Every structure is written in C-alpha cells, then in structure tokens.
Amino acid sequence: MGTWRRLWLSGRLSLWGSGGAAVPPLGRRALGCGRQLLGAEGESLKQRRAQIMSRGLPKQKPIEGVREVIVVASGKGGVGKSTTAVNLALALAANDSSKAVGLLDVDVYGPSIPKMMNLKGNPELSPNNLMRPLLNYGIACMSMGFLVEETAPVVWRGLMVMSAIEKLLRQVDWGQLDYLVVDMPPGTGDVQLSVSQNIPISGAVIVSTPQDIALMDAHKGAEMFRKVHVPVLGLVQNMSVFQCPKCKHKTHIFGADGARKLAQTLDLDVLGDVPLHLSIREASDKGQPVVFSQPESEEAKAYLHIASEVVRRLQPPPE
C-alpha cells in the first residue's frame, strides 16, 4: 500500500502544481515574451502530437498466462455489473472444474470485488516482484480495493488512474488462467479505452436493466466496444422481473424485455435474464455469491446459463 501512496504522491507532484497561486500582472514586454514562448511551445506540441498520432493505437500485448479475457461492462452504474462479473467468474469455474478462472477489478474509484468475494489484505509479491492475486472460492482475484483502505476514496486524476490500470494489467502474476473476467467501471471513458487498446479481449458482456435510461447507456457501451474492435458477446438483462415471495405475482419493476429490444437493434443476443431477488443482494453483501452459496437456486442457474452462453460464443465457428 505504501508503494501506491508513493505512486500517487509522486504522480501528483510531477504532474500538477498549485492551482490556486496568484500570478503577478505582467507588463507589455513580459506579455509579448509570454506570447512568443507560448507560440514556440504550441508548435512543439503540434509536432509532438503529430508524432504520437503517426504511431497509431498502442500495440496490444496479451496478459502472460491468460488464454481468454472477458470484460463485463455497463454504460450506467447501479445495474448489477459487478454482481454479474463475480457470479459469471464462479459460474465459469462451476460449469467446468478443469478451467482456471481469475477476476480482475479495474473499477479504480469504486472497487466491489473485495467485498463480494470476502477478501481482505495486501497482495504478496512474487520473486519477480509481481503481485499475487488473492484467492477465494477457487477464483484468483485482483482489485484496487486490496491496495487502499476500504473507506479511503481514490481521488486521482486521469493519468494516475491510467498508471494504476497499467500495473493491474501488467504487474500481476496470474499463473495459468483459462478465463480472466474483468469487472470494468461504468461508462465509456479512459479506463475502458485503455484496457480495450492494450490487451486482446475475447469478448465483452454488456449488463443492463430493462429500464430505458439504463438501456440508452448500454447502447453506447456496446457501440464503444465495436469501435475499438472488441467482439460483443451479448447482453445480460439484470433485474428482469420481481416475484413476490408470498403471492408469487411477478412484476416488471424496471420494464419488460427492454434489453431484448436493444439486442435486436444491435443485432446481438441476450445471454440470459437475472431476476431481481433478495437472495442475490444478501449473498453479495455477505461475500458469499449466490452461485457459490446457493448453487441449486434459480438465481444461480441463471448465471450458470449465462456462463454457458459466453463459452459457446468464445468457441471458434466450425469450418
């Protein structure tokens, strides 16, 4: 943790000075010199920008030891993306016990994996000075939440976040994994672009509720992945229906089949529907995800079905 604090401090000192210091008024001569300097710097910046643009996108480099990378994303927060990522990772392992599965949390500002996977502590370092993932329920996990205090906010600017993402991608000793599930932050910003452009991604899973407001952002998320040439495996319709535990009446609180309509618009498939159920929330809060703690429940079976659909779409088409 001390290393990350030093990273933060050094990054801050090297990138940003004091924003509130008063600047004394310049005379006409000083202003003229300032304009000349700015003009010279402007030309230098233009040349530098042209050099960078001529290089194109960064070359993708696989994560050592990882065969397939599956990103779980959403356009909007609060739709159950992290819950889906956790249960998807567990379902991939449950469907095929011979497969090694890892879970990477790149939601730097709001990491949820430590809580949901019931994990605490700082990662140990390997002889090669790489961080070793923490392990629970047979899933290797790495998260920013292991590197900062649980209640400490991560108040970082973009370049510092990118440095953290680079370390989470390149300085973790995963061993040999068949699947690495990546819990992305909501939105379509720097982190999504950085991950998509720096590592080969086998496919993206888009999570949304059936609500129109969530679907608008899910649409943007799917289009972003297409623009950076990441295959979109399909949509997960989360919180699809609520069933009263007493009378068994079903209510579509967030609307009915919104994700299916969006999937048709995008020419994608719905990988599965996950109901709005108390047990999913309670299991996640306890750090005992429903696929692990209640594997025979209908809720767990929904995630197991989604995992099967994901694996099926990752397989190469028959010749």
Protein backbone atom coordinates (compact mmCIF):
# COMPACT_ATOMS: atom_id res chain seq x y z
CA MET A 1 0.00 0.00 0.00
CA GLY A 2 2.90 2.31 0.74
CA THR A 3 4.13 1.91 -2.82
CA TRP A 4 0.78 3.00 -4.20
CA ARG A 5 0.68 6.00 -1.92
CA ARG A 6 4.14 6.97 -3.14
CA LEU A 7 2.92 6.48 -6.72
CA TRP A 8 0.03 8.82 -6.03
CA LEU A 9 2.19 11.43 -4.39
CA SER A 10 4.94 11.29 -6.98
CA GLY A 11 2.42 11.45 -9.77
CA ARG A 12 0.72 14.40 -8.21
CA LEU A 13 3.93 16.27 -7.60
CA SER A 14 5.25 15.64 -11.09
CA LEU A 15 2.00 16.41 -12.93
CA TRP A 16 0.26 19.19 -11.10
CA GLY A 17 1.43 22.22 -9.27
CA SER A 18 -0.59 24.54 -7.08
CA GLY A 19 -3.75 25.57 -8.87
CA GLY A 20 -4.59 28.47 -6.61
CA ALA A 21 -1.38 30.53 -6.62
CA ALA A 22 -1.83 34.12 -7.74
CA VAL A 23 0.16 35.21 -10.80
CA PRO A 24 1.52 38.75 -10.69
CA PRO A 25 0.40 41.01 -13.53
CA LEU A 26 2.76 41.11 -16.48
CA GLY A 27 3.87 44.19 -18.30
CA ARG A 28 3.53 44.58 -22.03
CA ARG A 29 7.06 43.35 -22.64
CA ALA A 30 6.51 40.34 -20.42
CA LEU A 31 3.24 39.59 -22.17
CA GLY A 32 4.96 39.78 -25.53
CA CYS A 33 7.67 37.39 -24.38
CA GLY A 34 4.99 35.12 -22.96
CA ARG A 35 3.17 35.02 -26.28
CA GLN A 36 6.42 34.16 -28.08
CA LEU A 37 7.10 31.35 -25.62
CA LEU A 38 3.55 30.06 -25.91
CA GLY A 39 3.81 30.19 -29.68
CA ALA A 40 7.03 28.20 -29.61
CA GLU A 41 5.52 25.69 -27.18
CA GLY A 42 2.42 25.49 -29.36
CA GLU A 43 4.49 24.49 -32.39
CA SER A 44 6.39 21.96 -30.28
CA LEU A 45 3.13 20.48 -29.01
CA LYS A 46 1.77 20.24 -32.55
CA GLN A 47 4.86 18.36 -33.69
CA ARG A 48 4.70 16.06 -30.67
CA ARG A 49 1.00 15.37 -31.29
CA ALA A 50 1.70 14.57 -34.93
CA GLN A 51 4.42 12.09 -33.90
CA ILE A 52 2.08 10.35 -31.45
CA MET A 53 -0.79 10.20 -33.95
CA SER A 54 1.51 8.72 -36.59
CA ARG A 55 2.18 5.77 -34.32
CA GLY A 56 -1.49 4.75 -34.28
CA LEU A 57 -3.08 2.80 -31.44
CA PRO A 58 -0.86 1.09 -28.85
CA LYS A 59 0.11 -2.44 -29.78
CA GLN A 60 -1.90 -4.99 -27.85
CA LYS A 61 0.09 -7.32 -25.64
CA PRO A 62 -1.51 -10.41 -24.07
CA ILE A 63 -1.53 -10.83 -20.29
CA GLU A 64 1.00 -13.54 -19.60
CA GLY A 65 -0.59 -16.88 -18.79
CA VAL A 66 -4.16 -15.78 -19.63
CA ARG A 67 -5.94 -17.53 -22.50
CA GLU A 68 -9.27 -15.66 -22.72
CA VAL A 69 -10.19 -12.20 -21.39
CA ILE A 70 -13.88 -11.45 -20.89
CA VAL A 71 -14.86 -7.92 -19.91
CA VAL A 72 -18.13 -7.23 -18.10
CA ALA A 73 -19.30 -3.68 -18.71
CA SER A 74 -22.27 -1.37 -18.44
CA GLY A 75 -22.97 2.11 -19.63
CA LYS A 76 -24.55 3.09 -16.31
CA GLY A 77 -23.65 2.31 -12.72
CA GLY A 78 -26.01 0.52 -10.36
CA VAL A 79 -27.30 -2.07 -12.83
CA GLY A 80 -25.58 -5.06 -11.22
CA LYS A 81 -22.43 -5.22 -13.32
CA SER A 82 -20.07 -6.26 -10.51
CA THR A 83 -22.55 -8.81 -9.18
CA THR A 84 -22.76 -10.25 -12.68
CA ALA A 85 -18.97 -10.31 -13.07
CA VAL A 86 -18.46 -12.13 -9.77
CA ASN A 87 -21.15 -14.74 -10.43
CA LEU A 88 -20.03 -15.16 -14.04
CA ALA A 89 -16.50 -15.99 -12.89
CA LEU A 90 -17.84 -18.51 -10.37
CA ALA A 91 -20.22 -19.97 -12.95
CA LEU A 92 -17.42 -20.45 -15.49
CA ALA A 93 -15.50 -22.44 -12.89
CA ALA A 94 -18.60 -24.37 -11.76
CA ASN A 95 -19.54 -25.37 -15.31
CA ASP A 96 -16.10 -26.82 -15.96
CA SER A 97 -13.95 -27.62 -12.92
CA SER A 98 -10.92 -28.16 -15.15
CA LYS A 99 -10.82 -24.46 -16.05
CA ALA A 100 -8.80 -21.93 -14.05
CA VAL A 101 -10.63 -18.61 -13.65
CA GLY A 102 -9.48 -15.20 -12.46
CA LEU A 103 -11.32 -11.98 -11.64
CA LEU A 104 -9.79 -8.54 -12.21
CA ASP A 105 -11.47 -5.44 -10.81
CA VAL A 106 -10.43 -2.34 -12.77
CA ASP A 107 -13.10 -0.09 -11.25
CA VAL A 108 -10.46 2.05 -9.56
CA TYR A 109 -12.86 4.56 -7.99
CA GLY A 110 -15.40 2.04 -6.68
CA PRO A 111 -13.93 -1.46 -6.33
CA SER A 112 -16.54 -4.03 -5.25
CA ILE A 113 -14.75 -7.35 -5.70
CA PRO A 114 -13.08 -7.46 -2.25
CA LYS A 115 -16.45 -7.17 -0.50
CA MET A 116 -18.32 -9.54 -2.80
CA MET A 117 -15.56 -12.18 -2.74
CA ASN A 118 -14.98 -11.80 1.01
CA LEU A 119 -11.32 -10.92 0.60
CA LYS A 120 -9.05 -8.54 2.53
CA GLY A 121 -5.35 -7.87 2.73
CA ASN A 122 -2.46 -6.75 0.60
CA PRO A 123 -1.20 -8.94 -2.24
CA GLU A 124 2.12 -10.69 -1.71
CA LEU A 125 4.95 -10.18 -4.16
CA SER A 126 6.46 -12.95 -6.27
CA PRO A 127 10.24 -13.32 -6.73
CA ASN A 128 9.76 -11.39 -9.98
CA ASN A 129 8.23 -8.51 -7.99
CA LEU A 130 4.74 -9.18 -9.36
CA MET A 131 1.61 -9.02 -7.22
CA ARG A 132 -0.01 -12.36 -6.43
CA PRO A 133 -3.82 -12.44 -6.63
CA LEU A 134 -5.85 -13.23 -3.54
CA LEU A 135 -7.81 -16.49 -3.75
CA ASN A 136 -11.30 -17.41 -2.58
CA TYR A 137 -13.93 -19.89 -3.81
CA GLY A 138 -11.31 -21.12 -6.27
CA ILE A 139 -11.14 -17.74 -8.07
CA ALA A 140 -7.91 -15.70 -8.24
CA CYS A 141 -8.80 -12.03 -7.61
CA MET A 142 -7.03 -8.71 -8.00
CA SER A 143 -8.52 -5.31 -7.22
CA MET A 144 -7.58 -1.76 -6.41
CA GLY A 145 -9.52 -2.42 -3.21
CA PHE A 146 -6.62 -4.60 -1.98
CA LEU A 147 -4.21 -1.68 -2.31
CA VAL A 148 -6.06 1.08 -0.46
CA GLU A 149 -8.02 1.27 2.78
CA GLU A 150 -11.65 0.15 2.47
CA THR A 151 -13.09 3.58 3.31
CA ALA A 152 -10.38 5.64 1.61
CA PRO A 153 -11.55 7.48 -1.53
CA VAL A 154 -9.31 7.27 -4.58
CA VAL A 155 -9.04 10.94 -5.52
CA TRP A 156 -6.89 10.60 -8.61
CA ARG A 157 -6.72 12.30 -11.97
CA GLY A 158 -6.74 10.52 -15.30
CA LEU A 159 -3.00 9.90 -15.75
CA MET A 160 -2.67 8.45 -12.26
CA VAL A 161 -5.62 6.16 -12.88
CA MET A 162 -4.03 5.01 -16.14
CA SER A 163 -0.81 4.22 -14.27
CA ALA A 164 -2.79 2.14 -11.78
CA ILE A 165 -4.58 0.29 -14.60
CA GLU A 166 -1.25 -0.44 -16.28
CA LYS A 167 0.03 -2.03 -13.07
CA LEU A 168 -3.14 -4.09 -12.60
CA LEU A 169 -2.78 -5.36 -16.17
CA ARG A 170 0.97 -5.94 -16.28
CA GLN A 171 2.24 -6.46 -12.75
CA VAL A 172 0.08 -9.36 -11.54
CA ASP A 173 1.25 -12.97 -11.52
CA TRP A 174 -1.90 -14.82 -12.63
CA GLY A 175 -0.18 -18.14 -13.25
CA GLN A 176 -2.12 -20.02 -15.93
CA LEU A 177 -5.75 -18.98 -16.46
CA ASP A 178 -8.31 -20.20 -18.96
CA TYR A 179 -10.59 -17.22 -18.31
CA LEU A 180 -9.97 -13.80 -16.82
CA VAL A 181 -13.19 -11.92 -16.10
CA VAL A 182 -12.62 -8.16 -15.94
CA ASP A 183 -15.08 -6.02 -13.98
CA MET A 184 -14.98 -2.69 -15.83
CA PRO A 185 -16.11 0.64 -14.39
CA PRO A 186 -19.39 2.06 -15.72
CA GLY A 187 -19.27 4.39 -18.70
CA THR A 188 -17.12 4.71 -21.81
CA GLY A 189 -14.10 6.62 -20.58
CA ASP A 190 -10.33 6.37 -20.27
CA VAL A 191 -10.24 3.05 -18.41
CA GLN A 192 -12.42 1.26 -20.96
CA LEU A 193 -10.32 2.58 -23.83
CA SER A 194 -7.03 1.81 -22.11
CA VAL A 195 -7.99 -1.79 -21.33
CA SER A 196 -9.50 -2.36 -24.79
CA GLN A 197 -6.50 -1.00 -26.64
CA ASN A 198 -3.74 -2.56 -24.55
CA ILE A 199 -4.78 -6.21 -24.20
CA PRO A 200 -6.52 -8.63 -26.57
CA ILE A 201 -10.11 -9.10 -25.38
CA SER A 202 -12.02 -12.22 -26.37
CA GLY A 203 -15.40 -10.62 -25.83
CA ALA A 204 -17.50 -8.12 -23.90
CA VAL A 205 -20.66 -8.79 -21.90
CA ILE A 206 -22.97 -5.77 -21.53
CA VAL A 207 -25.14 -5.66 -18.40
CA SER A 208 -28.31 -3.56 -18.22
CA THR A 209 -31.66 -3.44 -16.53
CA PRO A 210 -34.73 -3.28 -18.80
CA GLN A 211 -35.18 0.42 -17.94
CA ASP A 212 -34.93 2.88 -20.82
CA ILE A 213 -32.45 5.14 -19.01
CA ALA A 214 -30.05 2.23 -18.43
CA LEU A 215 -30.53 0.91 -21.97
CA MET A 216 -29.50 4.24 -23.50
CA ASP A 217 -26.08 3.96 -21.86
CA ALA A 218 -25.81 0.22 -22.54
CA HIS A 219 -26.27 1.04 -26.23
CA LYS A 220 -23.36 3.49 -26.03
CA GLY A 221 -21.22 0.90 -24.25
CA ALA A 222 -21.83 -1.72 -26.93
CA GLU A 223 -21.02 0.76 -29.70
CA MET A 224 -17.79 1.78 -27.94
CA PHE A 225 -16.54 -1.81 -27.92
CA ARG A 226 -17.40 -2.18 -31.58
CA LYS A 227 -15.40 0.94 -32.41
CA VAL A 228 -12.30 -0.49 -30.73
CA HIS A 229 -12.88 -3.87 -32.43
CA VAL A 230 -13.86 -5.84 -29.32
CA PRO A 231 -16.49 -8.52 -30.02
CA VAL A 232 -19.69 -8.01 -28.02
CA LEU A 233 -20.83 -11.45 -26.90
CA GLY A 234 -24.29 -10.28 -25.88
CA LEU A 235 -26.42 -8.56 -23.27
CA VAL A 236 -27.43 -9.64 -19.78
CA GLN A 237 -30.86 -8.40 -18.73
CA ASN A 238 -30.45 -7.91 -14.99
CA MET A 239 -33.29 -7.30 -12.52
CA SER A 240 -35.61 -8.51 -15.24
CA VAL A 241 -38.57 -9.37 -13.01
CA PHE A 242 -39.57 -9.38 -9.33
CA GLN A 243 -41.62 -12.23 -7.92
CA CYS A 244 -43.46 -11.62 -4.66
CA PRO A 245 -42.24 -14.26 -2.17
CA LYS A 246 -45.76 -14.57 -0.70
CA CYS A 247 -48.26 -14.49 -3.54
CA LYS A 248 -45.76 -15.32 -6.34
CA HIS A 249 -47.09 -12.48 -8.50
CA LYS A 250 -44.48 -11.26 -10.99
CA THR A 251 -43.86 -7.54 -11.51
CA HIS A 252 -41.55 -5.99 -14.10
CA ILE A 253 -40.37 -3.11 -11.92
CA PHE A 254 -37.90 -1.77 -14.50
CA GLY A 255 -39.98 -2.63 -17.55
CA ALA A 256 -40.30 -5.78 -19.61
CA ASP A 257 -37.86 -7.03 -22.24
CA GLY A 258 -36.04 -3.73 -22.73
CA ALA A 259 -32.68 -5.49 -23.18
CA ARG A 260 -34.21 -7.84 -25.75
CA LYS A 261 -35.41 -4.91 -27.81
CA LEU A 262 -31.97 -3.30 -27.60
CA ALA A 263 -30.34 -6.60 -28.58
CA GLN A 264 -32.48 -6.71 -31.71
CA THR A 265 -31.47 -3.15 -32.55
CA LEU A 266 -27.79 -4.00 -32.15
CA ASP A 267 -28.11 -7.42 -33.82
CA LEU A 268 -26.95 -9.11 -30.62
CA ASP A 269 -28.24 -11.91 -28.41
CA VAL A 270 -29.47 -11.77 -24.83
CA LEU A 271 -27.23 -14.15 -22.92
CA GLY A 272 -29.74 -14.52 -20.12
CA ASP A 273 -32.14 -12.89 -17.68
CA VAL A 274 -31.37 -12.47 -13.98
CA PRO A 275 -34.34 -11.74 -11.69
CA LEU A 276 -34.50 -9.05 -9.04
CA HIS A 277 -34.23 -11.27 -5.99
CA LEU A 278 -33.39 -10.68 -2.34
CA SER A 279 -31.06 -13.66 -2.16
CA ILE A 280 -28.71 -12.23 -4.80
CA ARG A 281 -28.30 -8.99 -2.86
CA GLU A 282 -27.93 -10.70 0.52
CA ALA A 283 -25.39 -13.20 -0.79
CA SER A 284 -23.31 -10.45 -2.39
CA ASP A 285 -23.32 -8.31 0.77
CA LYS A 286 -22.18 -11.29 2.85
CA GLY A 287 -19.33 -12.06 0.47
CA GLN A 288 -20.92 -15.39 -0.45
CA PRO A 289 -22.07 -15.01 -4.08
CA VAL A 290 -25.22 -16.88 -4.95
CA VAL A 291 -23.52 -19.23 -7.44
CA PHE A 292 -21.29 -20.43 -4.60
CA SER A 293 -23.68 -20.32 -1.65
CA GLN A 294 -26.92 -21.39 -3.36
CA PRO A 295 -25.85 -23.34 -6.47
CA GLU A 296 -29.22 -25.09 -6.86
CA SER A 297 -31.29 -21.89 -6.75
CA GLU A 298 -33.00 -20.46 -9.82
CA GLU A 299 -30.89 -17.33 -9.44
CA ALA A 300 -27.64 -19.32 -9.57
CA LYS A 301 -28.93 -21.30 -12.56
CA ALA A 302 -29.46 -18.00 -14.41
CA TYR A 303 -25.74 -17.17 -14.04
CA LEU A 304 -24.72 -20.73 -14.94
CA HIS A 305 -26.74 -20.42 -18.15
CA ILE A 306 -25.12 -17.08 -18.96
CA ALA A 307 -21.66 -18.60 -18.45
CA SER A 308 -22.52 -21.45 -20.83
CA GLU A 309 -23.66 -18.95 -23.46
CA VAL A 310 -20.45 -16.94 -23.05
CA VAL A 311 -18.27 -20.03 -23.51
CA ARG A 312 -20.28 -21.11 -26.54
CA ARG A 313 -19.70 -17.75 -28.22
CA LEU A 314 -15.99 -17.83 -27.47
CA GLN A 315 -15.54 -21.07 -29.36
CA PRO A 316 -14.40 -20.73 -32.98
CA PRO A 317 -17.11 -21.41 -35.56
CA PRO A 318 -17.00 -24.86 -37.20
CA GLU A 319 -15.19 -24.97 -40.51
